[in-house]
Structure formats: C-alpha cells, structure tokens
Amino acid sequence: MIVFVLRHADRKPEPDDGLTPAGLERAKLLARMLAETGVSIAYCSEAARAHQTLEPLAQLLGNALTIKEVKIAEQGADAHVQKIVQAVKSQPPGTTIVVVSHSNTVGPIVKGLGGGTIDSIGDGEFDKLFVLFIGPTGSTDLLRGRYGAAT
C-alpha cells in the first residue's frame, strides 16, 4: 500500500476557507504528480481548502478516484485522525491513497499509520509531502519530501 499524506495547499487568510492562487497552482502540481500513481481513494476533511487541493486530481482521474470526506469540525481532530487511520488500514494491500488534512492532523495521521513522529508543520508551510509504503505485514517506510514552491 502507498499512502500520500499532506496538508492542504496554500490557503487564504481567515475567515476565507479557499486556496490562494499559489495554492491552486500547488494543487495542479499535486494532480500532475499523482495522476499516474494508481491512486484510487482520497480522504480529506470538510474544509473547502482540502477539497480544492484534490479538485485538479479529481478532474484528471474522474470516476477512477473516490473522495471520502472525514469531518473534523463535528468530532474534533483526534476523531478525524482515528477515522482516517482506520479507513486507510481497512484498504486492501496494493491500494494507493492520498490523504489531504491539516497542519495539526498530518503528523498524527503519519504516526497512526506507522510512519513515526514527524516535525510539526508551521502555519505557513504547505509544501511538505509524506509518502508511506506499508507492507503486507504492516511494516512501514516513510519518505519525507516537498513539492512545489518552497514555503
């Protein structure tokens, strides 16, 4: 199983929930990077910025990508993390998944999937990309990367 985990792309300042022009470009780059990986399932929160990060990928893949929303506002960050980790772990071996979440949930998701502890993601950081390779026995390797313009 391969799992891409990242924070949503560059967001507009509060109270807007959308992406900046730079964020829209980063989302397009993500789509280009992941379109040929075999990704078939995406998990994200209900935030518009998370959905907008996945939108270019969804446009490229059409019905080949299933997007599943895991709400964060109603039950809190811990429940969001637990539900995503359980959902990912329930997928069959060989599945490729992308998870778009938030600065405070990416680390716990990576840890919950066996990737260990990662450095916290700063308020202005949108370029971190984590790739987990989860073997059939549950062994996990973590690749830490960055994509798009440095933030």
N, C-alpha and C. Protein backbone atom coordinates (compact mmCIF):
# COMPACT_ATOMS: atom_id res chain seq x y z
N MET A 1 0.86 -1.17 0.00
CA MET A 1 0.00 0.00 0.00
C MET A 1 0.90 1.23 0.00
N ILE A 2 0.50 2.23 -0.76
CA ILE A 2 1.20 3.51 -0.78
C ILE A 2 0.20 4.58 -0.34
N VAL A 3 0.63 5.41 0.62
CA VAL A 3 -0.24 6.46 1.14
C VAL A 3 0.51 7.79 1.09
N PHE A 4 -0.04 8.74 0.34
CA PHE A 4 0.48 10.10 0.30
C PHE A 4 -0.29 10.91 1.35
N VAL A 5 0.43 11.58 2.24
CA VAL A 5 -0.22 12.38 3.29
C VAL A 5 0.35 13.79 3.22
N LEU A 6 -0.55 14.77 3.18
CA LEU A 6 -0.12 16.15 3.08
C LEU A 6 -1.15 17.10 3.67
N ARG A 7 -0.67 18.29 3.94
CA ARG A 7 -1.56 19.37 4.34
C ARG A 7 -2.17 19.95 3.07
N HIS A 8 -3.37 20.49 3.18
CA HIS A 8 -3.99 21.18 2.05
C HIS A 8 -3.02 22.22 1.49
N ALA A 9 -3.24 22.66 0.27
CA ALA A 9 -2.39 23.66 -0.36
C ALA A 9 -2.60 25.04 0.28
N ASP A 10 -1.81 25.99 -0.15
CA ASP A 10 -1.76 27.34 0.42
C ASP A 10 -3.14 27.96 0.54
N ARG A 11 -3.48 28.37 1.72
CA ARG A 11 -4.83 28.88 1.99
C ARG A 11 -4.86 30.39 2.10
N LYS A 12 -6.04 30.93 1.85
CA LYS A 12 -6.28 32.35 2.05
C LYS A 12 -6.38 32.62 3.54
N PRO A 13 -6.15 33.87 3.96
CA PRO A 13 -6.28 34.20 5.39
C PRO A 13 -7.72 34.03 5.86
N GLU A 14 -7.87 33.80 7.15
CA GLU A 14 -9.21 33.71 7.76
C GLU A 14 -10.00 34.96 7.42
N PRO A 15 -11.27 34.95 7.31
CA PRO A 15 -12.17 33.82 7.52
C PRO A 15 -12.39 32.99 6.25
N ASP A 16 -11.76 33.38 5.13
CA ASP A 16 -11.91 32.63 3.88
C ASP A 16 -11.34 31.23 4.06
N ASP A 17 -11.96 30.26 3.44
CA ASP A 17 -11.52 28.87 3.57
C ASP A 17 -10.93 28.33 2.28
N GLY A 18 -10.77 29.19 1.27
CA GLY A 18 -10.29 28.72 -0.02
C GLY A 18 -8.79 28.78 -0.17
N LEU A 19 -8.32 28.45 -1.37
CA LEU A 19 -6.90 28.46 -1.68
C LEU A 19 -6.49 29.77 -2.35
N THR A 20 -5.26 30.16 -2.13
CA THR A 20 -4.68 31.31 -2.81
C THR A 20 -4.34 30.90 -4.24
N PRO A 21 -3.99 31.85 -5.11
CA PRO A 21 -3.52 31.47 -6.45
C PRO A 21 -2.33 30.50 -6.39
N ALA A 22 -1.41 30.72 -5.44
CA ALA A 22 -0.28 29.80 -5.27
C ALA A 22 -0.78 28.42 -4.85
N GLY A 23 -1.80 28.37 -4.01
CA GLY A 23 -2.37 27.10 -3.58
C GLY A 23 -3.03 26.36 -4.72
N LEU A 24 -3.71 27.09 -5.59
CA LEU A 24 -4.33 26.46 -6.76
C LEU A 24 -3.27 25.87 -7.68
N GLU A 25 -2.15 26.57 -7.84
CA GLU A 25 -1.04 26.04 -8.65
C GLU A 25 -0.43 24.80 -7.99
N ARG A 26 -0.29 24.84 -6.66
CA ARG A 26 0.25 23.68 -5.95
C ARG A 26 -0.69 22.47 -6.11
N ALA A 27 -1.99 22.70 -6.06
CA ALA A 27 -2.96 21.62 -6.24
C ALA A 27 -2.86 21.02 -7.64
N LYS A 28 -2.64 21.85 -8.64
CA LYS A 28 -2.47 21.36 -10.01
C LYS A 28 -1.20 20.52 -10.12
N LEU A 29 -0.13 20.95 -9.47
CA LEU A 29 1.11 20.19 -9.47
C LEU A 29 0.91 18.84 -8.79
N LEU A 30 0.21 18.83 -7.66
CA LEU A 30 -0.07 17.58 -6.96
C LEU A 30 -0.82 16.62 -7.88
N ALA A 31 -1.80 17.13 -8.59
CA ALA A 31 -2.57 16.29 -9.51
C ALA A 31 -1.66 15.70 -10.58
N ARG A 32 -0.78 16.51 -11.12
CA ARG A 32 0.14 16.03 -12.16
C ARG A 32 1.07 14.95 -11.59
N MET A 33 1.52 15.15 -10.35
CA MET A 33 2.43 14.20 -9.71
C MET A 33 1.75 12.87 -9.41
N LEU A 34 0.49 12.92 -8.98
CA LEU A 34 -0.18 11.70 -8.51
C LEU A 34 -1.04 11.00 -9.55
N ALA A 35 -1.32 11.65 -10.66
CA ALA A 35 -2.28 11.11 -11.63
C ALA A 35 -1.93 9.73 -12.15
N GLU A 36 -0.65 9.42 -12.26
CA GLU A 36 -0.25 8.13 -12.83
C GLU A 36 0.25 7.15 -11.77
N THR A 37 -0.02 7.43 -10.50
CA THR A 37 0.45 6.55 -9.42
C THR A 37 -0.49 5.39 -9.14
N GLY A 38 -1.68 5.45 -9.70
CA GLY A 38 -2.69 4.44 -9.39
C GLY A 38 -3.55 4.81 -8.20
N VAL A 39 -3.44 6.04 -7.74
CA VAL A 39 -4.26 6.48 -6.60
C VAL A 39 -5.73 6.31 -6.95
N SER A 40 -6.46 5.71 -6.02
CA SER A 40 -7.88 5.45 -6.29
C SER A 40 -8.80 5.97 -5.18
N ILE A 41 -8.23 6.28 -4.02
CA ILE A 41 -9.03 6.76 -2.90
C ILE A 41 -8.35 7.98 -2.30
N ALA A 42 -9.16 8.98 -1.98
CA ALA A 42 -8.67 10.18 -1.30
C ALA A 42 -9.53 10.42 -0.07
N TYR A 43 -8.87 10.79 1.01
CA TYR A 43 -9.55 11.18 2.24
C TYR A 43 -9.22 12.64 2.52
N CYS A 44 -10.22 13.40 2.95
CA CYS A 44 -10.00 14.80 3.30
C CYS A 44 -11.05 15.24 4.30
N SER A 45 -10.82 16.40 4.89
CA SER A 45 -11.81 16.97 5.80
C SER A 45 -12.88 17.67 4.98
N GLU A 46 -13.82 18.28 5.67
CA GLU A 46 -14.90 19.01 5.01
C GLU A 46 -14.48 20.41 4.57
N ALA A 47 -13.29 20.85 4.93
CA ALA A 47 -12.84 22.20 4.61
C ALA A 47 -12.72 22.39 3.09
N ALA A 48 -13.17 23.55 2.63
CA ALA A 48 -13.10 23.85 1.20
C ALA A 48 -11.67 23.75 0.70
N ARG A 49 -10.70 24.18 1.49
CA ARG A 49 -9.30 24.15 1.06
C ARG A 49 -8.80 22.72 0.83
N ALA A 50 -9.30 21.77 1.61
CA ALA A 50 -8.91 20.37 1.41
C ALA A 50 -9.52 19.84 0.10
N HIS A 51 -10.79 20.14 -0.12
CA HIS A 51 -11.45 19.71 -1.36
C HIS A 51 -10.80 20.37 -2.58
N GLN A 52 -10.48 21.66 -2.47
CA GLN A 52 -9.86 22.36 -3.59
C GLN A 52 -8.48 21.82 -3.91
N THR A 53 -7.78 21.30 -2.90
CA THR A 53 -6.47 20.69 -3.13
C THR A 53 -6.62 19.42 -3.97
N LEU A 54 -7.71 18.70 -3.78
CA LEU A 54 -7.95 17.45 -4.52
C LEU A 54 -8.65 17.67 -5.86
N GLU A 55 -9.25 18.82 -6.06
CA GLU A 55 -10.08 19.05 -7.25
C GLU A 55 -9.35 18.80 -8.58
N PRO A 56 -8.13 19.30 -8.79
CA PRO A 56 -7.47 19.01 -10.06
C PRO A 56 -7.21 17.52 -10.28
N LEU A 57 -6.88 16.80 -9.22
CA LEU A 57 -6.68 15.35 -9.33
C LEU A 57 -7.98 14.66 -9.69
N ALA A 58 -9.06 15.07 -9.05
CA ALA A 58 -10.38 14.50 -9.35
C ALA A 58 -10.76 14.78 -10.81
N GLN A 59 -10.43 15.95 -11.31
CA GLN A 59 -10.74 16.27 -12.70
C GLN A 59 -9.95 15.38 -13.66
N LEU A 60 -8.69 15.11 -13.32
CA LEU A 60 -7.87 14.26 -14.18
C LEU A 60 -8.33 12.80 -14.16
N LEU A 61 -8.68 12.32 -12.98
CA LEU A 61 -8.98 10.89 -12.82
C LEU A 61 -10.46 10.55 -12.97
N GLY A 62 -11.34 11.51 -12.82
CA GLY A 62 -12.77 11.26 -12.96
C GLY A 62 -13.24 10.19 -12.00
N ASN A 63 -13.99 9.23 -12.51
CA ASN A 63 -14.57 8.17 -11.68
C ASN A 63 -13.54 7.20 -11.11
N ALA A 64 -12.29 7.29 -11.55
CA ALA A 64 -11.25 6.40 -11.02
C ALA A 64 -10.81 6.81 -9.62
N LEU A 65 -11.22 8.00 -9.17
CA LEU A 65 -10.87 8.48 -7.84
C LEU A 65 -12.13 8.64 -7.00
N THR A 66 -12.13 8.00 -5.85
CA THR A 66 -13.21 8.16 -4.88
C THR A 66 -12.72 9.06 -3.76
N ILE A 67 -13.44 10.15 -3.51
CA ILE A 67 -13.08 11.07 -2.44
C ILE A 67 -14.04 10.84 -1.28
N LYS A 68 -13.46 10.56 -0.11
CA LYS A 68 -14.24 10.33 1.09
C LYS A 68 -13.94 11.43 2.10
N GLU A 69 -14.98 12.11 2.52
CA GLU A 69 -14.84 13.20 3.48
C GLU A 69 -14.93 12.65 4.90
N VAL A 70 -13.96 13.03 5.71
CA VAL A 70 -13.95 12.67 7.13
C VAL A 70 -13.97 13.98 7.90
N LYS A 71 -15.12 14.29 8.47
CA LYS A 71 -15.33 15.59 9.12
C LYS A 71 -14.42 15.77 10.33
N ILE A 72 -13.97 17.00 10.48
CA ILE A 72 -13.11 17.34 11.61
C ILE A 72 -13.83 18.25 12.60
N ALA A 73 -14.70 19.12 12.09
CA ALA A 73 -15.35 20.14 12.94
C ALA A 73 -16.30 19.54 13.96
N GLU A 74 -17.04 18.52 13.57
CA GLU A 74 -18.07 17.96 14.45
C GLU A 74 -17.50 17.17 15.62
N GLN A 75 -16.47 16.35 15.35
CA GLN A 75 -15.98 15.45 16.38
C GLN A 75 -14.57 15.77 16.85
N GLY A 76 -13.91 16.73 16.23
CA GLY A 76 -12.58 17.13 16.65
C GLY A 76 -11.46 16.43 15.89
N ALA A 77 -10.25 16.97 16.08
CA ALA A 77 -9.09 16.49 15.35
C ALA A 77 -8.74 15.04 15.67
N ASP A 78 -8.84 14.65 16.94
CA ASP A 78 -8.48 13.28 17.31
C ASP A 78 -9.37 12.25 16.62
N ALA A 79 -10.66 12.50 16.59
CA ALA A 79 -11.59 11.57 15.93
C ALA A 79 -11.34 11.55 14.43
N HIS A 80 -11.04 12.71 13.85
CA HIS A 80 -10.71 12.80 12.42
C HIS A 80 -9.51 11.91 12.11
N VAL A 81 -8.46 12.05 12.91
CA VAL A 81 -7.25 11.25 12.71
C VAL A 81 -7.55 9.77 12.83
N GLN A 82 -8.26 9.38 13.89
CA GLN A 82 -8.57 7.96 14.11
C GLN A 82 -9.37 7.37 12.96
N LYS A 83 -10.36 8.12 12.48
CA LYS A 83 -11.18 7.62 11.38
C LYS A 83 -10.38 7.46 10.09
N ILE A 84 -9.51 8.40 9.82
CA ILE A 84 -8.69 8.29 8.61
C ILE A 84 -7.73 7.11 8.74
N VAL A 85 -7.07 6.98 9.87
CA VAL A 85 -6.14 5.86 10.06
C VAL A 85 -6.86 4.53 9.91
N GLN A 86 -8.04 4.39 10.52
CA GLN A 86 -8.80 3.15 10.41
C GLN A 86 -9.23 2.89 8.97
N ALA A 87 -9.67 3.94 8.28
CA ALA A 87 -10.12 3.79 6.90
C ALA A 87 -8.97 3.35 6.00
N VAL A 88 -7.81 3.97 6.16
CA VAL A 88 -6.66 3.60 5.34
C VAL A 88 -6.26 2.16 5.63
N LYS A 89 -6.18 1.80 6.89
CA LYS A 89 -5.77 0.44 7.26
C LYS A 89 -6.76 -0.62 6.79
N SER A 90 -7.99 -0.22 6.53
CA SER A 90 -9.00 -1.19 6.08
C SER A 90 -8.91 -1.48 4.58
N GLN A 91 -8.10 -0.72 3.86
CA GLN A 91 -7.98 -0.92 2.42
C GLN A 91 -7.10 -2.13 2.12
N PRO A 92 -7.33 -2.79 1.00
CA PRO A 92 -6.52 -3.96 0.66
C PRO A 92 -5.08 -3.59 0.28
N PRO A 93 -4.16 -4.52 0.46
CA PRO A 93 -2.78 -4.28 0.03
C PRO A 93 -2.76 -3.90 -1.46
N GLY A 94 -1.83 -3.07 -1.82
CA GLY A 94 -1.73 -2.66 -3.21
C GLY A 94 -2.51 -1.40 -3.54
N THR A 95 -3.32 -0.92 -2.59
CA THR A 95 -4.11 0.30 -2.81
C THR A 95 -3.20 1.52 -2.69
N THR A 96 -3.45 2.51 -3.52
CA THR A 96 -2.74 3.78 -3.43
C THR A 96 -3.74 4.85 -3.01
N ILE A 97 -3.38 5.59 -1.97
CA ILE A 97 -4.30 6.51 -1.30
C ILE A 97 -3.64 7.86 -1.13
N VAL A 98 -4.44 8.92 -1.17
CA VAL A 98 -3.95 10.25 -0.81
C VAL A 98 -4.82 10.78 0.32
N VAL A 99 -4.17 11.37 1.32
CA VAL A 99 -4.86 11.98 2.45
C VAL A 99 -4.49 13.45 2.49
N VAL A 100 -5.50 14.32 2.39
CA VAL A 100 -5.28 15.76 2.49
C VAL A 100 -5.93 16.23 3.78
N SER A 101 -5.08 16.69 4.70
CA SER A 101 -5.61 17.09 6.00
C SER A 101 -5.06 18.45 6.39
N HIS A 102 -4.71 18.63 7.65
CA HIS A 102 -4.37 19.95 8.18
C HIS A 102 -3.06 19.90 8.96
N SER A 103 -2.51 21.07 9.25
CA SER A 103 -1.21 21.15 9.91
C SER A 103 -1.18 20.40 11.24
N ASN A 104 -2.29 20.37 11.95
CA ASN A 104 -2.34 19.71 13.26
C ASN A 104 -2.73 18.23 13.19
N THR A 105 -3.08 17.73 12.01
CA THR A 105 -3.50 16.33 11.91
C THR A 105 -2.58 15.47 11.03
N VAL A 106 -1.80 16.08 10.17
CA VAL A 106 -0.91 15.31 9.30
C VAL A 106 0.05 14.45 10.12
N GLY A 107 0.70 15.06 11.12
CA GLY A 107 1.64 14.31 11.96
C GLY A 107 1.01 13.12 12.66
N PRO A 108 -0.13 13.31 13.34
CA PRO A 108 -0.78 12.16 13.98
C PRO A 108 -1.25 11.09 12.98
N ILE A 109 -1.63 11.49 11.77
CA ILE A 109 -2.03 10.50 10.76
C ILE A 109 -0.81 9.68 10.35
N VAL A 110 0.30 10.36 10.07
CA VAL A 110 1.53 9.65 9.70
C VAL A 110 1.93 8.68 10.81
N LYS A 111 1.90 9.16 12.05
CA LYS A 111 2.26 8.30 13.19
C LYS A 111 1.30 7.13 13.32
N GLY A 112 0.00 7.38 13.19
CA GLY A 112 -1.00 6.32 13.31
C GLY A 112 -0.87 5.25 12.24
N LEU A 113 -0.29 5.62 11.10
CA LEU A 113 -0.09 4.65 10.02
C LEU A 113 1.27 3.95 10.11
N GLY A 114 2.00 4.24 11.20
CA GLY A 114 3.27 3.55 11.42
C GLY A 114 4.49 4.28 10.90
N GLY A 115 4.33 5.54 10.50
CA GLY A 115 5.44 6.29 9.94
C GLY A 115 6.31 7.01 10.96
N GLY A 116 5.98 6.89 12.24
CA GLY A 116 6.76 7.55 13.27
C GLY A 116 6.37 9.01 13.44
N THR A 117 7.18 9.70 14.21
CA THR A 117 6.92 11.11 14.52
C THR A 117 7.60 12.00 13.49
N ILE A 118 6.86 13.00 13.02
CA ILE A 118 7.41 13.98 12.08
C ILE A 118 7.47 15.33 12.77
N ASP A 119 8.29 16.23 12.22
CA ASP A 119 8.34 17.60 12.74
C ASP A 119 6.99 18.26 12.51
N SER A 120 6.63 19.18 13.41
CA SER A 120 5.36 19.88 13.26
C SER A 120 5.38 20.71 11.98
N ILE A 121 4.20 20.98 11.47
CA ILE A 121 4.05 21.76 10.25
C ILE A 121 3.65 23.18 10.65
N GLY A 122 4.44 24.15 10.25
CA GLY A 122 4.19 25.54 10.60
C GLY A 122 2.99 26.10 9.88
N ASP A 123 2.47 27.20 10.40
CA ASP A 123 1.28 27.84 9.82
C ASP A 123 1.47 28.18 8.36
N GLY A 124 2.68 28.56 7.96
CA GLY A 124 2.93 28.96 6.58
C GLY A 124 3.53 27.88 5.72
N GLU A 125 3.58 26.63 6.20
CA GLU A 125 4.17 25.53 5.44
C GLU A 125 3.08 24.74 4.70
N PHE A 126 3.23 24.69 3.39
CA PHE A 126 2.25 23.96 2.57
C PHE A 126 2.93 22.98 1.61
N ASP A 127 4.24 22.86 1.67
CA ASP A 127 4.96 22.08 0.66
C ASP A 127 5.44 20.71 1.13
N LYS A 128 5.13 20.32 2.34
CA LYS A 128 5.58 19.01 2.84
C LYS A 128 4.68 17.90 2.27
N LEU A 129 5.33 16.82 1.87
CA LEU A 129 4.63 15.65 1.33
C LEU A 129 5.25 14.41 1.94
N PHE A 130 4.43 13.60 2.55
CA PHE A 130 4.89 12.37 3.18
C PHE A 130 4.33 11.18 2.41
N VAL A 131 5.19 10.21 2.13
CA VAL A 131 4.77 9.02 1.39
C VAL A 131 5.09 7.81 2.26
N LEU A 132 4.05 7.07 2.59
CA LEU A 132 4.22 5.86 3.40
C LEU A 132 4.08 4.64 2.52
N PHE A 133 5.02 3.73 2.66
CA PHE A 133 4.97 2.44 1.96
C PHE A 133 4.68 1.41 3.04
N ILE A 134 3.48 0.88 3.03
CA ILE A 134 3.04 -0.05 4.06
C ILE A 134 3.01 -1.45 3.47
N GLY A 135 3.85 -2.32 4.02
CA GLY A 135 3.96 -3.69 3.52
C GLY A 135 2.81 -4.55 3.99
N PRO A 136 2.67 -5.73 3.41
CA PRO A 136 1.57 -6.64 3.78
C PRO A 136 1.60 -7.08 5.24
N THR A 137 2.78 -7.03 5.86
CA THR A 137 2.88 -7.41 7.27
C THR A 137 2.71 -6.22 8.20
N GLY A 138 2.51 -5.01 7.61
CA GLY A 138 2.33 -3.82 8.41
C GLY A 138 3.60 -3.00 8.58
N SER A 139 4.73 -3.51 8.08
CA SER A 139 5.96 -2.72 8.16
C SER A 139 5.80 -1.46 7.31
N THR A 140 6.32 -0.35 7.81
CA THR A 140 6.11 0.92 7.13
C THR A 140 7.42 1.66 6.94
N ASP A 141 7.62 2.15 5.72
CA ASP A 141 8.74 3.03 5.41
C ASP A 141 8.16 4.39 5.07
N LEU A 142 8.84 5.44 5.53
CA LEU A 142 8.36 6.80 5.31
C LEU A 142 9.36 7.57 4.47
N LEU A 143 8.86 8.20 3.43
CA LEU A 143 9.63 9.11 2.60
C LEU A 143 9.13 10.52 2.88
N ARG A 144 10.04 11.41 3.24
CA ARG A 144 9.70 12.81 3.51
C ARG A 144 10.15 13.64 2.31
N GLY A 145 9.22 14.42 1.78
CA GLY A 145 9.57 15.24 0.63
C GLY A 145 8.87 16.58 0.66
N ARG A 146 9.12 17.34 -0.37
CA ARG A 146 8.47 18.63 -0.56
C ARG A 146 8.07 18.75 -2.02
N TYR A 147 7.04 19.52 -2.28
CA TYR A 147 6.60 19.70 -3.67
C TYR A 147 6.17 21.14 -3.89
N GLY A 148 6.40 21.61 -5.09
CA GLY A 148 6.03 22.98 -5.43
C GLY A 148 6.97 24.00 -4.83
N ALA A 149 6.56 25.25 -4.88
CA ALA A 149 7.36 26.35 -4.37
C ALA A 149 7.60 26.19 -2.87
N ALA A 150 8.80 26.50 -2.44
CA ALA A 150 9.13 26.39 -1.01
C ALA A 150 8.28 27.35 -0.19
N THR A 151 7.84 26.86 0.96
CA THR A 151 7.09 27.71 1.89
C THR A 151 7.71 27.60 3.27
